[in-house]
Amino acid sequence: MAYAIINSCVNCWACEPVCPSQAIYEAQPHFQIDSRKCTECEGDFADPQCASICPIEGAILDGSGGSANPPGSLTGIPPERMVEVMMEIQAR
């Protein structure tokens, strides 16, 4: 199973240079992952490098179609607490 990049990708180039199998390539309208090349970083890294560095939460899907970098993965704030946390920040 290979990872996939979806339409929310903003073509920031963060993932392309960190892919150990060189499976990520520039395409229109966003980057893509060549499923024949993607090794899911097995044997190279414990975590998928593309998902670890992607600044857009939810832009990379794992082999089963689930988000490899789900909402909250960048901030550590669960999505259900985001409104509350933003209100706390604005109150400062």
Protein backbone atom coordinates (compact mmCIF):
# COMPACT_ATOMS: atom_id res chain seq x y z
CA MET A 1 0.00 0.00 0.00
CA ALA A 2 1.27 3.46 -0.86
CA TYR A 3 0.64 6.88 0.56
CA ALA A 4 -1.29 9.47 -1.46
CA ILE A 5 -1.37 13.26 -1.57
CA ILE A 6 -4.79 14.85 -1.99
CA ASN A 7 -6.10 18.17 -3.36
CA SER A 8 -5.44 20.15 -0.17
CA CYS A 9 -1.70 20.00 -0.99
CA VAL A 10 -0.33 23.50 -1.62
CA ASN A 11 2.83 22.41 -3.47
CA CYS A 12 5.15 23.72 -0.77
CA TRP A 13 7.92 21.25 -1.72
CA ALA A 14 8.49 20.12 1.88
CA CYS A 15 7.82 16.44 1.20
CA GLU A 16 9.62 15.89 -2.10
CA PRO A 17 13.24 16.11 -0.89
CA VAL A 18 12.66 13.96 2.23
CA CYS A 19 11.17 10.94 0.42
CA PRO A 20 13.77 8.13 0.65
CA SER A 21 12.28 6.26 -2.31
CA GLN A 22 11.94 9.35 -4.54
CA ALA A 23 8.27 8.52 -5.04
CA ILE A 24 6.98 12.11 -4.81
CA TYR A 25 6.80 14.17 -7.96
CA GLU A 26 5.37 17.50 -9.05
CA ALA A 27 2.10 17.21 -10.95
CA GLN A 28 -0.96 19.32 -11.57
CA PRO A 29 -2.73 20.54 -9.55
CA HIS A 30 -0.65 19.18 -6.65
CA PHE A 31 2.20 16.81 -5.85
CA GLN A 32 1.59 13.10 -6.32
CA ILE A 33 3.10 9.89 -4.94
CA ASP A 34 4.07 7.14 -7.37
CA SER A 35 2.47 4.06 -5.80
CA ARG A 36 5.00 1.78 -7.53
CA LYS A 37 7.90 3.56 -5.80
CA CYS A 38 6.38 4.37 -2.39
CA THR A 39 7.73 2.10 0.34
CA GLU A 40 5.91 3.95 3.16
CA CYS A 41 9.47 4.55 4.43
CA GLU A 42 9.68 0.96 5.67
CA GLY A 43 13.29 0.04 6.26
CA ASP A 44 14.35 3.68 6.20
CA PHE A 45 12.35 5.51 8.88
CA ALA A 46 9.89 4.65 11.65
CA ASP A 47 7.45 7.34 10.45
CA PRO A 48 6.49 8.33 6.90
CA GLN A 49 8.66 11.31 6.12
CA CYS A 50 6.14 13.01 3.83
CA ALA A 51 3.45 13.04 6.51
CA SER A 52 5.93 14.01 9.22
CA ILE A 53 6.95 17.20 7.42
CA CYS A 54 3.72 18.17 5.61
CA PRO A 55 2.42 21.53 6.88
CA ILE A 56 -1.14 20.83 5.67
CA GLU A 57 -2.99 18.57 8.07
CA GLY A 58 -4.93 15.85 6.27
CA ALA A 59 -3.16 16.29 2.92
CA ILE A 60 -1.50 12.87 2.99
CA LEU A 61 -3.44 9.63 3.17
CA ASP A 62 -2.04 6.29 4.25
CA GLY A 63 -2.53 3.08 2.30
CA SER A 64 -5.96 2.46 3.83
CA GLY A 65 -7.23 5.97 2.99
CA GLY A 66 -6.88 7.39 6.50
CA SER A 67 -5.12 10.67 7.18
CA ALA A 68 -1.41 10.15 7.83
CA ASN A 69 -1.22 13.66 9.31
CA PRO A 70 -4.68 14.22 10.80
CA PRO A 71 -6.08 17.49 12.18
CA GLY A 72 -4.26 18.32 15.39
CA SER A 73 -1.07 16.54 14.37
CA LEU A 74 0.83 19.79 13.85
CA THR A 75 -0.40 21.70 16.86
CA GLY A 76 -1.09 18.86 19.25
CA ILE A 77 -4.52 20.40 19.81
CA PRO A 78 -7.45 18.02 19.22
CA PRO A 79 -9.87 19.49 16.65
CA GLU A 80 -12.71 19.46 19.17
CA ARG A 81 -10.70 21.83 21.42
CA MET A 82 -9.50 24.20 18.68
CA VAL A 83 -12.29 26.80 19.14
CA GLU A 84 -11.69 26.89 22.89
CA VAL A 85 -7.92 27.22 22.47
CA MET A 86 -8.26 29.98 19.86
CA MET A 87 -10.50 31.92 22.26
CA GLU A 88 -7.88 31.55 25.01
CA ILE A 89 -5.15 32.81 22.69
CA GLN A 90 -7.20 35.81 21.55
CA ALA A 91 -7.98 36.72 25.17
CA ARG A 92 -4.29 37.21 25.96
